[in-house]
Amino acid sequence: MAQKELALYVAEQLEPLEDIRYIPMMGGWLFYYREKLIGGIYEEGFAVKDTSASRRFMPDCRNEVWENTPAALLPCTILEDSEKLCQMVREMYPELPAPKAKKPGKRRRKTDGV
């Protein structure tokens, strides 16, 4: 399955949450729930942040470091079960770090006479 098709499928599976946002980034897709990063699609498939909740919901999952990922993530083994996936994301939410504050844009300085 192509990455864009997989992104659409993951978004469909997470649709009951309503506060899901996904964007293409660095050759993959990043998924956010209520503006916190929950995981993404990389060359190998869909992976979620390694939290105690994600480990509880996917005890059969092994920790992997995939090429082209920013950190160790857990391959999502429950993607086909939308209800279970959504519940895992809800329980992951309090364990995830707060979104980083956005940096203000660069301001141009006015120059006199130029």
PDB file of N, CA and C in Angstrom:
ATOM      1  N   MET A   1       0.851  -1.177   0.000  1.00  0.00           N
ATOM      2  CA  MET A   1       0.000   0.000   0.000  1.00  0.00           C
ATOM      3  C   MET A   1       0.899   1.243   0.000  1.00  0.00           C
ATOM      4  N   ALA A   2       0.599   2.202  -0.851  1.00  0.00           N
ATOM      5  CA  ALA A   2       1.365   3.445  -0.927  1.00  0.00           C
ATOM      6  C   ALA A   2       1.155   4.267   0.344  1.00  0.00           C
ATOM      7  N   GLN A   3       2.114   5.115   0.665  1.00  0.00           N
ATOM      8  CA  GLN A   3       2.033   5.900   1.896  1.00  0.00           C
ATOM      9  C   GLN A   3       0.788   6.776   1.968  1.00  0.00           C
ATOM     10  N   LYS A   4       0.425   7.414   0.876  1.00  0.00           N
ATOM     11  CA  LYS A   4      -0.756   8.267   0.900  1.00  0.00           C
ATOM     12  C   LYS A   4      -2.020   7.449   1.142  1.00  0.00           C
ATOM     13  N   GLU A   5      -2.107   6.289   0.507  1.00  0.00           N
ATOM     14  CA  GLU A   5      -3.258   5.406   0.734  1.00  0.00           C
ATOM     15  C   GLU A   5      -3.293   4.936   2.185  1.00  0.00           C
ATOM     16  N   LEU A   6      -2.115   4.596   2.735  1.00  0.00           N
ATOM     17  CA  LEU A   6      -2.047   4.177   4.129  1.00  0.00           C
ATOM     18  C   LEU A   6      -2.445   5.322   5.056  1.00  0.00           C
ATOM     19  N   ALA A   7      -2.020   6.539   4.748  1.00  0.00           N
ATOM     20  CA  ALA A   7      -2.396   7.703   5.562  1.00  0.00           C
ATOM     21  C   ALA A   7      -3.911   7.882   5.581  1.00  0.00           C
ATOM     22  N   LEU A   8      -4.541   7.729   4.435  1.00  0.00           N
ATOM     23  CA  LEU A   8      -6.002   7.847   4.359  1.00  0.00           C
ATOM     24  C   LEU A   8      -6.683   6.736   5.155  1.00  0.00           C
ATOM     25  N   TYR A   9      -6.128   5.524   5.094  1.00  0.00           N
ATOM     26  CA  TYR A   9      -6.683   4.403   5.844  1.00  0.00           C
ATOM     27  C   TYR A   9      -6.558   4.640   7.349  1.00  0.00           C
ATOM     28  N   VAL A  10      -5.376   5.077   7.788  1.00  0.00           N
ATOM     29  CA  VAL A  10      -5.168   5.354   9.214  1.00  0.00           C
ATOM     30  C   VAL A  10      -6.129   6.448   9.667  1.00  0.00           C
ATOM     31  N   ALA A  11      -6.268   7.515   8.872  1.00  0.00           N
ATOM     32  CA  ALA A  11      -7.186   8.601   9.213  1.00  0.00           C
ATOM     33  C   ALA A  11      -8.619   8.083   9.333  1.00  0.00           C
ATOM     34  N   GLU A  12      -8.997   7.176   8.451  1.00  0.00           N
ATOM     35  CA  GLU A  12     -10.336   6.576   8.507  1.00  0.00           C
ATOM     36  C   GLU A  12     -10.506   5.758   9.790  1.00  0.00           C
ATOM     37  N   GLN A  13      -9.482   5.012  10.160  1.00  0.00           N
ATOM     38  CA  GLN A  13      -9.551   4.208  11.376  1.00  0.00           C
ATOM     39  C   GLN A  13      -9.647   5.088  12.628  1.00  0.00           C
ATOM     40  N   LEU A  14      -9.032   6.276  12.576  1.00  0.00           N
ATOM     41  CA  LEU A  14      -9.024   7.192  13.720  1.00  0.00           C
ATOM     42  C   LEU A  14     -10.167   8.206  13.680  1.00  0.00           C
ATOM     43  N   GLU A  15     -11.005   8.134  12.661  1.00  0.00           N
ATOM     44  CA  GLU A  15     -12.081   9.105  12.462  1.00  0.00           C
ATOM     45  C   GLU A  15     -12.987   9.301  13.687  1.00  0.00           C
ATOM     46  N   PRO A  16     -13.317   8.272  14.458  1.00  0.00           N
ATOM     47  CA  PRO A  16     -14.174   8.492  15.629  1.00  0.00           C
ATOM     48  C   PRO A  16     -13.595   9.488  16.644  1.00  0.00           C
ATOM     49  N   LEU A  17     -12.298   9.719  16.626  1.00  0.00           N
ATOM     50  CA  LEU A  17     -11.684  10.648  17.576  1.00  0.00           C
ATOM     51  C   LEU A  17     -11.959  12.106  17.223  1.00  0.00           C
ATOM     52  N   GLU A  18     -12.203  12.407  15.985  1.00  0.00           N
ATOM     53  CA  GLU A  18     -12.527  13.733  15.468  1.00  0.00           C
ATOM     54  C   GLU A  18     -11.389  14.749  15.545  1.00  0.00           C
ATOM     55  N   ASP A  19     -10.559  14.723  16.560  1.00  0.00           N
ATOM     56  CA  ASP A  19      -9.489  15.714  16.716  1.00  0.00           C
ATOM     57  C   ASP A  19      -8.177  15.233  16.119  1.00  0.00           C
ATOM     58  N   ILE A  20      -8.249  14.486  15.037  1.00  0.00           N
ATOM     59  CA  ILE A  20      -7.051  13.956  14.384  1.00  0.00           C
ATOM     60  C   ILE A  20      -6.652  14.891  13.244  1.00  0.00           C
ATOM     61  N   ARG A  21      -5.368  15.117  13.138  1.00  0.00           N
ATOM     62  CA  ARG A  21      -4.815  15.906  12.038  1.00  0.00           C
ATOM     63  C   ARG A  21      -3.602  15.139  11.524  1.00  0.00           C
ATOM     64  N   TYR A  22      -3.435  15.103  10.218  1.00  0.00           N
ATOM     65  CA  TYR A  22      -2.262  14.434   9.657  1.00  0.00           C
ATOM     66  C   TYR A  22      -1.705  15.255   8.516  1.00  0.00           C
ATOM     67  N   ILE A  23      -0.375  15.287   8.449  1.00  0.00           N
ATOM     68  CA  ILE A  23       0.290  16.111   7.452  1.00  0.00           C
ATOM     69  C   ILE A  23       1.468  15.354   6.851  1.00  0.00           C
ATOM     70  N   PRO A  24       1.748  15.584   5.572  1.00  0.00           N
ATOM     71  CA  PRO A  24       2.941  14.971   4.986  1.00  0.00           C
ATOM     72  C   PRO A  24       4.179  15.684   5.532  1.00  0.00           C
ATOM     73  N   MET A  25       5.194  14.895   5.868  1.00  0.00           N
ATOM     74  CA  MET A  25       6.397  15.488   6.430  1.00  0.00           C
ATOM     75  C   MET A  25       7.587  14.570   6.201  1.00  0.00           C
ATOM     76  N   MET A  26       8.637  15.093   5.671  1.00  0.00           N
ATOM     77  CA  MET A  26       9.911  14.390   5.521  1.00  0.00           C
ATOM     78  C   MET A  26       9.768  12.998   4.898  1.00  0.00           C
ATOM     79  N   GLY A  27       9.015  12.887   3.851  1.00  0.00           N
ATOM     80  CA  GLY A  27       8.868  11.615   3.163  1.00  0.00           C
ATOM     81  C   GLY A  27       7.888  10.653   3.812  1.00  0.00           C
ATOM     82  N   GLY A  28       7.175  11.088   4.819  1.00  0.00           N
ATOM     83  CA  GLY A  28       6.183  10.252   5.490  1.00  0.00           C
ATOM     84  C   GLY A  28       4.977  11.103   5.852  1.00  0.00           C
ATOM     85  N   TRP A  29       4.235  10.671   6.846  1.00  0.00           N
ATOM     86  CA  TRP A  29       3.064  11.403   7.325  1.00  0.00           C
ATOM     87  C   TRP A  29       3.113  11.419   8.838  1.00  0.00           C
ATOM     88  N   LEU A  30       2.796  12.546   9.452  1.00  0.00           N
ATOM     89  CA  LEU A  30       2.726  12.661  10.901  1.00  0.00           C
ATOM     90  C   LEU A  30       1.271  12.789  11.314  1.00  0.00           C
ATOM     91  N   PHE A  31       0.911  12.110  12.409  1.00  0.00           N
ATOM     92  CA  PHE A  31      -0.450  12.128  12.925  1.00  0.00           C
ATOM     93  C   PHE A  31      -0.477  12.773  14.302  1.00  0.00           C
ATOM     94  N   TYR A  32      -1.447  13.670  14.473  1.00  0.00           N
ATOM     95  CA  TYR A  32      -1.603  14.393  15.737  1.00  0.00           C
ATOM     96  C   TYR A  32      -3.007  14.140  16.276  1.00  0.00           C
ATOM     97  N   TYR A  33      -3.099  14.020  17.602  1.00  0.00           N
ATOM     98  CA  TYR A  33      -4.395  13.946  18.283  1.00  0.00           C
ATOM     99  C   TYR A  33      -4.433  15.111  19.256  1.00  0.00           C
ATOM    100  N   ARG A  34      -5.413  15.987  19.081  1.00  0.00           N
ATOM    101  CA  ARG A  34      -5.530  17.178  19.920  1.00  0.00           C
ATOM    102  C   ARG A  34      -4.189  17.916  19.992  1.00  0.00           C
ATOM    103  N   GLU A  35      -3.542  18.006  18.848  1.00  0.00           N
ATOM    104  CA  GLU A  35      -2.285  18.729  18.625  1.00  0.00           C
ATOM    105  C   GLU A  35      -1.050  18.108  19.287  1.00  0.00           C
ATOM    106  N   LYS A  36      -1.170  16.888  19.780  1.00  0.00           N
ATOM    107  CA  LYS A  36       0.004  16.164  20.272  1.00  0.00           C
ATOM    108  C   LYS A  36       0.357  15.078  19.259  1.00  0.00           C
ATOM    109  N   LEU A  37       1.640  14.962  18.961  1.00  0.00           N
ATOM    110  CA  LEU A  37       2.102  13.958  18.004  1.00  0.00           C
ATOM    111  C   LEU A  37       1.908  12.561  18.579  1.00  0.00           C
ATOM    112  N   ILE A  38       1.164  11.709  17.841  1.00  0.00           N
ATOM    113  CA  ILE A  38       0.946  10.334  18.306  1.00  0.00           C
ATOM    114  C   ILE A  38       1.767   9.323  17.531  1.00  0.00           C
ATOM    115  N   GLY A  39       2.173   9.663  16.319  1.00  0.00           N
ATOM    116  CA  GLY A  39       2.938   8.724  15.504  1.00  0.00           C
ATOM    117  C   GLY A  39       2.950   9.161  14.059  1.00  0.00           C
ATOM    118  N   GLY A  40       3.280   8.207  13.201  1.00  0.00           N
ATOM    119  CA  GLY A  40       3.343   8.561  11.797  1.00  0.00           C
ATOM    120  C   GLY A  40       3.533   7.369  10.895  1.00  0.00           C
ATOM    121  N   ILE A  41       3.535   7.664   9.616  1.00  0.00           N
ATOM    122  CA  ILE A  41       3.765   6.655   8.590  1.00  0.00           C
ATOM    123  C   ILE A  41       5.166   6.875   8.053  1.00  0.00           C
ATOM    124  N   TYR A  42       5.917   5.818   8.081  1.00  0.00           N
ATOM    125  CA  TYR A  42       7.278   5.837   7.579  1.00  0.00           C
ATOM    126  C   TYR A  42       7.370   4.742   6.522  1.00  0.00           C
ATOM    127  N   GLU A  43       8.514   4.531   5.955  1.00  0.00           N
ATOM    128  CA  GLU A  43       8.651   3.537   4.888  1.00  0.00           C
ATOM    129  C   GLU A  43       8.119   2.164   5.304  1.00  0.00           C
ATOM    130  N   GLU A  44       8.256   1.832   6.566  1.00  0.00           N
ATOM    131  CA  GLU A  44       7.895   0.499   7.037  1.00  0.00           C
ATOM    132  C   GLU A  44       6.424   0.358   7.404  1.00  0.00           C
ATOM    133  N   GLY A  45       5.693   1.467   7.565  1.00  0.00           N
ATOM    134  CA  GLY A  45       4.284   1.393   7.927  1.00  0.00           C
ATOM    135  C   GLY A  45       3.919   2.423   8.980  1.00  0.00           C
ATOM    136  N   PHE A  46       2.812   2.196   9.685  1.00  0.00           N
ATOM    137  CA  PHE A  46       2.329   3.123  10.704  1.00  0.00           C
ATOM    138  C   PHE A  46       2.903   2.733  12.057  1.00  0.00           C
ATOM    139  N   ALA A  47       3.446   3.717  12.763  1.00  0.00           N
ATOM    140  CA  ALA A  47       4.034   3.499  14.081  1.00  0.00           C
ATOM    141  C   ALA A  47       3.533   4.576  15.026  1.00  0.00           C
ATOM    142  N   VAL A  48       3.457   4.222  16.310  1.00  0.00           N
ATOM    143  CA  VAL A  48       2.996   5.161  17.331  1.00  0.00           C
ATOM    144  C   VAL A  48       4.090   5.367  18.367  1.00  0.00           C
ATOM    145  N   LYS A  49       3.951   6.454  19.114  1.00  0.00           N
ATOM    146  CA  LYS A  49       4.899   6.749  20.182  1.00  0.00           C
ATOM    147  C   LYS A  49       4.893   5.615  21.202  1.00  0.00           C
ATOM    148  N   ASP A  50       6.053   5.352  21.748  1.00  0.00           N
ATOM    149  CA  ASP A  50       6.216   4.321  22.766  1.00  0.00           C
ATOM    150  C   ASP A  50       5.812   4.900  24.122  1.00  0.00           C
ATOM    151  N   THR A  51       4.630   4.526  24.591  1.00  0.00           N
ATOM    152  CA  THR A  51       4.124   4.961  25.894  1.00  0.00           C
ATOM    153  C   THR A  51       3.651   3.723  26.648  1.00  0.00           C
ATOM    154  N   SER A  52       3.355   3.893  27.925  1.00  0.00           N
ATOM    155  CA  SER A  52       2.856   2.735  28.671  1.00  0.00           C
ATOM    156  C   SER A  52       1.500   2.287  28.112  1.00  0.00           C
ATOM    157  N   ALA A  53       0.679   3.237  27.666  1.00  0.00           N
ATOM    158  CA  ALA A  53      -0.622   2.883  27.079  1.00  0.00           C
ATOM    159  C   ALA A  53      -0.439   2.100  25.779  1.00  0.00           C
ATOM    160  N   SER A  54       0.452   2.558  24.911  1.00  0.00           N
ATOM    161  CA  SER A  54       0.629   1.843  23.647  1.00  0.00           C
ATOM    162  C   SER A  54       1.186   0.442  23.889  1.00  0.00           C
ATOM    163  N   ARG A  55       2.023   0.273  24.885  1.00  0.00           N
ATOM    164  CA  ARG A  55       2.534  -1.069  25.219  1.00  0.00           C
ATOM    165  C   ARG A  55       1.441  -1.963  25.805  1.00  0.00           C
ATOM    166  N   ARG A  56       0.527  -1.372  26.592  1.00  0.00           N
ATOM    167  CA  ARG A  56      -0.588  -2.156  27.146  1.00  0.00           C
ATOM    168  C   ARG A  56      -1.504  -2.663  26.034  1.00  0.00           C
ATOM    169  N   PHE A  57      -1.768  -1.819  25.046  1.00  0.00           N
ATOM    170  CA  PHE A  57      -2.674  -2.194  23.959  1.00  0.00           C
ATOM    171  C   PHE A  57      -2.016  -3.102  22.929  1.00  0.00           C
ATOM    172  N   MET A  58      -0.684  -3.070  22.873  1.00  0.00           N
ATOM    173  CA  MET A  58       0.028  -3.889  21.882  1.00  0.00           C
ATOM    174  C   MET A  58       1.165  -4.655  22.577  1.00  0.00           C
ATOM    175  N   PRO A  59       0.828  -5.552  23.490  1.00  0.00           N
ATOM    176  CA  PRO A  59       1.874  -6.264  24.224  1.00  0.00           C
ATOM    177  C   PRO A  59       2.730  -7.171  23.338  1.00  0.00           C
ATOM    178  N   ASP A  60       2.192  -7.550  22.192  1.00  0.00           N
ATOM    179  CA  ASP A  60       2.931  -8.415  21.271  1.00  0.00           C
ATOM    180  C   ASP A  60       3.914  -7.624  20.407  1.00  0.00           C
ATOM    181  N   CYS A  61       3.853  -6.312  20.498  1.00  0.00           N
ATOM    182  CA  CYS A  61       4.691  -5.450  19.677  1.00  0.00           C
ATOM    183  C   CYS A  61       6.108  -5.380  20.245  1.00  0.00           C
ATOM    184  N   ARG A  62       7.077  -5.383  19.369  1.00  0.00           N
ATOM    185  CA  ARG A  62       8.448  -5.242  19.854  1.00  0.00           C
ATOM    186  C   ARG A  62       8.965  -3.863  19.484  1.00  0.00           C
ATOM    187  N   ASN A  63       9.813  -3.348  20.324  1.00  0.00           N
ATOM    188  CA  ASN A  63      10.371  -2.019  20.089  1.00  0.00           C
ATOM    189  C   ASN A  63      11.348  -2.093  18.922  1.00  0.00           C
ATOM    190  N   GLU A  64      11.174  -1.228  17.962  1.00  0.00           N
ATOM    191  CA  GLU A  64      12.049  -1.208  16.790  1.00  0.00           C
ATOM    192  C   GLU A  64      12.548   0.199  16.541  1.00  0.00           C
ATOM    193  N   VAL A  65      13.706   0.295  15.980  1.00  0.00           N
ATOM    194  CA  VAL A  65      14.182   1.560  15.456  1.00  0.00           C
ATOM    195  C   VAL A  65      14.160   1.390  13.943  1.00  0.00           C
ATOM    196  N   TRP A  66      13.285   2.130  13.303  1.00  0.00           N
ATOM    197  CA  TRP A  66      13.167   2.047  11.861  1.00  0.00           C
ATOM    198  C   TRP A  66      14.046   3.104  11.221  1.00  0.00           C
ATOM    199  N   GLU A  67      14.533   2.786  10.064  1.00  0.00           N
ATOM    200  CA  GLU A  67      15.284   3.763   9.292  1.00  0.00           C
ATOM    201  C   GLU A  67      14.342   4.919   8.945  1.00  0.00           C
ATOM    202  N   ASN A  68      14.863   6.122   8.939  1.00  0.00           N
ATOM    203  CA  ASN A  68      14.104   7.327   8.581  1.00  0.00           C
ATOM    204  C   ASN A  68      13.028   7.714   9.591  1.00  0.00           C
ATOM    205  N   THR A  69      13.164   7.284  10.841  1.00  0.00           N
ATOM    206  CA  THR A  69      12.241   7.734  11.876  1.00  0.00           C
ATOM    207  C   THR A  69      13.017   8.582  12.873  1.00  0.00           C
ATOM    208  N   PRO A  70      12.375   9.570  13.484  1.00  0.00           N
ATOM    209  CA  PRO A  70      13.078  10.452  14.403  1.00  0.00           C
ATOM    210  C   PRO A  70      13.423   9.802  15.744  1.00  0.00           C
ATOM    211  N   ALA A  71      12.741   8.743  16.126  1.00  0.00           N
ATOM    212  CA  ALA A  71      12.986   8.104  17.424  1.00  0.00           C
ATOM    213  C   ALA A  71      12.458   6.672  17.367  1.00  0.00           C
ATOM    214  N   ALA A  72      12.733   5.929  18.427  1.00  0.00           N
ATOM    215  CA  ALA A  72      12.191   4.568  18.519  1.00  0.00           C
ATOM    216  C   ALA A  72      10.669   4.657  18.661  1.00  0.00           C
ATOM    217  N   LEU A  73       9.974   3.961  17.792  1.00  0.00           N
ATOM    218  CA  LEU A  73       8.516   3.930  17.798  1.00  0.00           C
ATOM    219  C   LEU A  73       8.062   2.483  17.829  1.00  0.00           C
ATOM    220  N   LEU A  74       6.810   2.296  18.138  1.00  0.00           N
ATOM    221  CA  LEU A  74       6.239   0.954  18.128  1.00  0.00           C
ATOM    222  C   LEU A  74       5.432   0.754  16.853  1.00  0.00           C
ATOM    223  N   PRO A  75       5.732  -0.284  16.097  1.00  0.00           N
ATOM    224  CA  PRO A  75       4.891  -0.578  14.938  1.00  0.00           C
ATOM    225  C   PRO A  75       3.468  -0.866  15.414  1.00  0.00           C
ATOM    226  N   CYS A  76       2.501  -0.272  14.779  1.00  0.00           N
ATOM    227  CA  CYS A  76       1.109  -0.432  15.213  1.00  0.00           C
ATOM    228  C   CYS A  76       0.557  -1.769  14.728  1.00  0.00           C
ATOM    229  N   THR A  77       0.280  -2.649  15.674  1.00  0.00           N
ATOM    230  CA  THR A  77      -0.218  -3.987  15.353  1.00  0.00           C
ATOM    231  C   THR A  77      -1.734  -4.095  15.467  1.00  0.00           C
ATOM    232  N   ILE A  78      -2.410  -2.997  15.843  1.00  0.00           N
ATOM    233  CA  ILE A  78      -3.870  -3.044  16.021  1.00  0.00           C
ATOM    234  C   ILE A  78      -4.583  -2.100  15.046  1.00  0.00           C
ATOM    235  N   LEU A  79      -3.947  -1.782  13.955  1.00  0.00           N
ATOM    236  CA  LEU A  79      -4.493  -0.820  13.000  1.00  0.00           C
ATOM    237  C   LEU A  79      -5.855  -1.242  12.449  1.00  0.00           C
ATOM    238  N   GLU A  80      -6.087  -2.513  12.295  1.00  0.00           N
ATOM    239  CA  GLU A  80      -7.351  -2.979  11.717  1.00  0.00           C
ATOM    240  C   GLU A  80      -8.516  -2.882  12.697  1.00  0.00           C
ATOM    241  N   ASP A  81      -8.242  -2.708  13.986  1.00  0.00           N
ATOM    242  CA  ASP A  81      -9.290  -2.623  15.012  1.00  0.00           C
ATOM    243  C   ASP A  81      -9.469  -1.156  15.402  1.00  0.00           C
ATOM    244  N   SER A  82     -10.346  -0.455  14.701  1.00  0.00           N
ATOM    245  CA  SER A  82     -10.534   0.980  14.898  1.00  0.00           C
ATOM    246  C   SER A  82     -10.893   1.334  16.339  1.00  0.00           C
ATOM    247  N   GLU A  83     -11.794   0.576  16.948  1.00  0.00           N
ATOM    248  CA  GLU A  83     -12.228   0.868  18.314  1.00  0.00           C
ATOM    249  C   GLU A  83     -11.048   0.773  19.299  1.00  0.00           C
ATOM    250  N   LYS A  84     -10.296  -0.289  19.183  1.00  0.00           N
ATOM    251  CA  LYS A  84      -9.138  -0.489  20.061  1.00  0.00           C
ATOM    252  C   LYS A  84      -8.065   0.569  19.799  1.00  0.00           C
ATOM    253  N   LEU A  85      -7.832   0.889  18.531  1.00  0.00           N
ATOM    254  CA  LEU A  85      -6.851   1.900  18.156  1.00  0.00           C
ATOM    255  C   LEU A  85      -7.229   3.259  18.749  1.00  0.00           C
ATOM    256  N   CYS A  86      -8.479   3.645  18.604  1.00  0.00           N
ATOM    257  CA  CYS A  86      -8.939   4.931  19.141  1.00  0.00           C
ATOM    258  C   CYS A  86      -8.818   4.971  20.663  1.00  0.00           C
ATOM    259  N   GLN A  87      -9.167   3.875  21.320  1.00  0.00           N
ATOM    260  CA  GLN A  87      -9.043   3.838  22.779  1.00  0.00           C
ATOM    261  C   GLN A  87      -7.579   3.961  23.196  1.00  0.00           C
ATOM    262  N   MET A  88      -6.678   3.311  22.461  1.00  0.00           N
ATOM    263  CA  MET A  88      -5.250   3.419  22.773  1.00  0.00           C
ATOM    264  C   MET A  88      -4.790   4.866  22.647  1.00  0.00           C
ATOM    265  N   VAL A  89      -5.193   5.551  21.577  1.00  0.00           N
ATOM    266  CA  VAL A  89      -4.785   6.938  21.372  1.00  0.00           C
ATOM    267  C   VAL A  89      -5.328   7.825  22.493  1.00  0.00           C
ATOM    268  N   ARG A  90      -6.570   7.606  22.904  1.00  0.00           N
ATOM    269  CA  ARG A  90      -7.142   8.376  24.016  1.00  0.00           C
ATOM    270  C   ARG A  90      -6.307   8.188  25.286  1.00  0.00           C
ATOM    271  N   GLU A  91      -5.896   6.959  25.551  1.00  0.00           N
ATOM    272  CA  GLU A  91      -5.123   6.673  26.763  1.00  0.00           C
ATOM    273  C   GLU A  91      -3.666   7.118  26.635  1.00  0.00           C
ATOM    274  N   MET A  92      -3.163   7.200  25.419  1.00  0.00           N
ATOM    275  CA  MET A  92      -1.802   7.712  25.196  1.00  0.00           C
ATOM    276  C   MET A  92      -1.727   9.212  25.452  1.00  0.00           C
ATOM    277  N   TYR A  93      -2.803   9.920  25.174  1.00  0.00           N
ATOM    278  CA  TYR A  93      -2.793  11.380  25.168  1.00  0.00           C
ATOM    279  C   TYR A  93      -2.160  12.014  26.414  1.00  0.00           C
ATOM    280  N   PRO A  94      -2.564  11.644  27.632  1.00  0.00           N
ATOM    281  CA  PRO A  94      -1.948  12.295  28.797  1.00  0.00           C
ATOM    282  C   PRO A  94      -0.461  11.963  28.975  1.00  0.00           C
ATOM    283  N   GLU A  95       0.004  10.907  28.352  1.00  0.00           N
ATOM    284  CA  GLU A  95       1.411  10.498  28.466  1.00  0.00           C
ATOM    285  C   GLU A  95       2.315  11.204  27.459  1.00  0.00           C
ATOM    286  N   LEU A  96       1.728  11.861  26.487  1.00  0.00           N
ATOM    287  CA  LEU A  96       2.502  12.512  25.427  1.00  0.00           C
ATOM    288  C   LEU A  96       2.936  13.909  25.855  1.00  0.00           C
ATOM    289  N   PRO A  97       4.108  14.340  25.397  1.00  0.00           N
ATOM    290  CA  PRO A  97       4.554  15.691  25.742  1.00  0.00           C
ATOM    291  C   PRO A  97       3.670  16.754  25.101  1.00  0.00           C
ATOM    292  N   ALA A  98       3.608  17.891  25.751  1.00  0.00           N
ATOM    293  CA  ALA A  98       2.839  19.018  25.216  1.00  0.00           C
ATOM    294  C   ALA A  98       3.474  19.472  23.905  1.00  0.00           C
ATOM    295  N   PRO A  99       2.654  20.001  23.006  1.00  0.00           N
ATOM    296  CA  PRO A  99       3.222  20.503  21.749  1.00  0.00           C
ATOM    297  C   PRO A  99       4.218  21.627  22.030  1.00  0.00           C
ATOM    298  N   LYS A 100       5.259  21.696  21.218  1.00  0.00           N
ATOM    299  CA  LYS A 100       6.241  22.760  21.364  1.00  0.00           C
ATOM    300  C   LYS A 100       5.620  24.085  20.930  1.00  0.00           C
ATOM    301  N   ALA A 101       6.009  25.135  21.628  1.00  0.00           N
ATOM    302  CA  ALA A 101       5.523  26.466  21.259  1.00  0.00           C
ATOM    303  C   ALA A 101       6.098  26.843  19.908  1.00  0.00           C
ATOM    304  N   LYS A 102       5.285  27.450  19.094  1.00  0.00           N
ATOM    305  CA  LYS A 102       5.741  27.857  17.772  1.00  0.00           C
ATOM    306  C   LYS A 102       6.616  29.090  17.898  1.00  0.00           C
ATOM    307  N   LYS A 103       7.686  29.095  17.133  1.00  0.00           N
ATOM    308  CA  LYS A 103       8.585  30.246  17.126  1.00  0.00           C
ATOM    309  C   LYS A 103       7.958  31.348  16.288  1.00  0.00           C
ATOM    310  N   PRO A 104       8.100  32.590  16.755  1.00  0.00           N
ATOM    311  CA  PRO A 104       7.563  33.687  15.939  1.00  0.00           C
ATOM    312  C   PRO A 104       8.356  33.809  14.645  1.00  0.00           C
ATOM    313  N   GLY A 105       7.695  34.241  13.600  1.00  0.00           N
ATOM    314  CA  GLY A 105       8.353  34.404  12.301  1.00  0.00           C
ATOM    315  C   GLY A 105       9.406  35.501  12.361  1.00  0.00           C
ATOM    316  N   LYS A 106      10.359  35.403  11.471  1.00  0.00           N
ATOM    317  CA  LYS A 106      11.397  36.429  11.413  1.00  0.00           C
ATOM    318  C   LYS A 106      10.777  37.737  10.932  1.00  0.00           C
ATOM    319  N   ARG A 107      11.181  38.811  11.561  1.00  0.00           N
ATOM    320  CA  ARG A 107      10.679  40.129  11.174  1.00  0.00           C
ATOM    321  C   ARG A 107      11.740  40.841  10.366  1.00  0.00           C
ATOM    322  N   ARG A 108      11.297  41.490   9.355  1.00  0.00           N
ATOM    323  CA  ARG A 108      12.228  42.276   8.538  1.00  0.00           C
ATOM    324  C   ARG A 108      12.423  43.636   9.201  1.00  0.00           C
ATOM    325  N   ARG A 109      13.653  44.077   9.169  1.00  0.00           N
ATOM    326  CA  ARG A 109      13.955  45.395   9.704  1.00  0.00           C
ATOM    327  C   ARG A 109      13.821  46.436   8.601  1.00  0.00           C
ATOM    328  N   LYS A 110      13.248  47.530   8.940  1.00  0.00           N
ATOM    329  CA  LYS A 110      13.150  48.630   7.988  1.00  0.00           C
ATOM    330  C   LYS A 110      14.511  49.319   7.937  1.00  0.00           C
ATOM    331  N   THR A 111      14.918  49.666   6.760  1.00  0.00           N
ATOM    332  CA  THR A 111      16.146  50.444   6.614  1.00  0.00           C
ATOM    333  C   THR A 111      15.812  51.784   6.014  1.00  0.00           C
ATOM    334  N   ASP A 112      16.414  52.800   6.551  1.00  0.00           N
ATOM    335  CA  ASP A 112      16.145  54.158   6.050  1.00  0.00           C
ATOM    336  C   ASP A 112      16.920  54.422   4.784  1.00  0.00           C
ATOM    337  N   GLY A 113      16.281  54.979   3.813  1.00  0.00           N
ATOM    338  CA  GLY A 113      16.923  55.430   2.595  1.00  0.00           C
ATOM    339  C   GLY A 113      17.374  54.347   1.641  1.00  0.00           C
ATOM    340  N   VAL A 114      17.012  53.098   1.877  1.00  0.00           N
ATOM    341  CA  VAL A 114      17.452  52.030   0.973  1.00  0.00           C
ATOM    342  C   VAL A 114      16.255  51.442   0.286  1.00  0.00           C
TER     343      VAL A 114
END
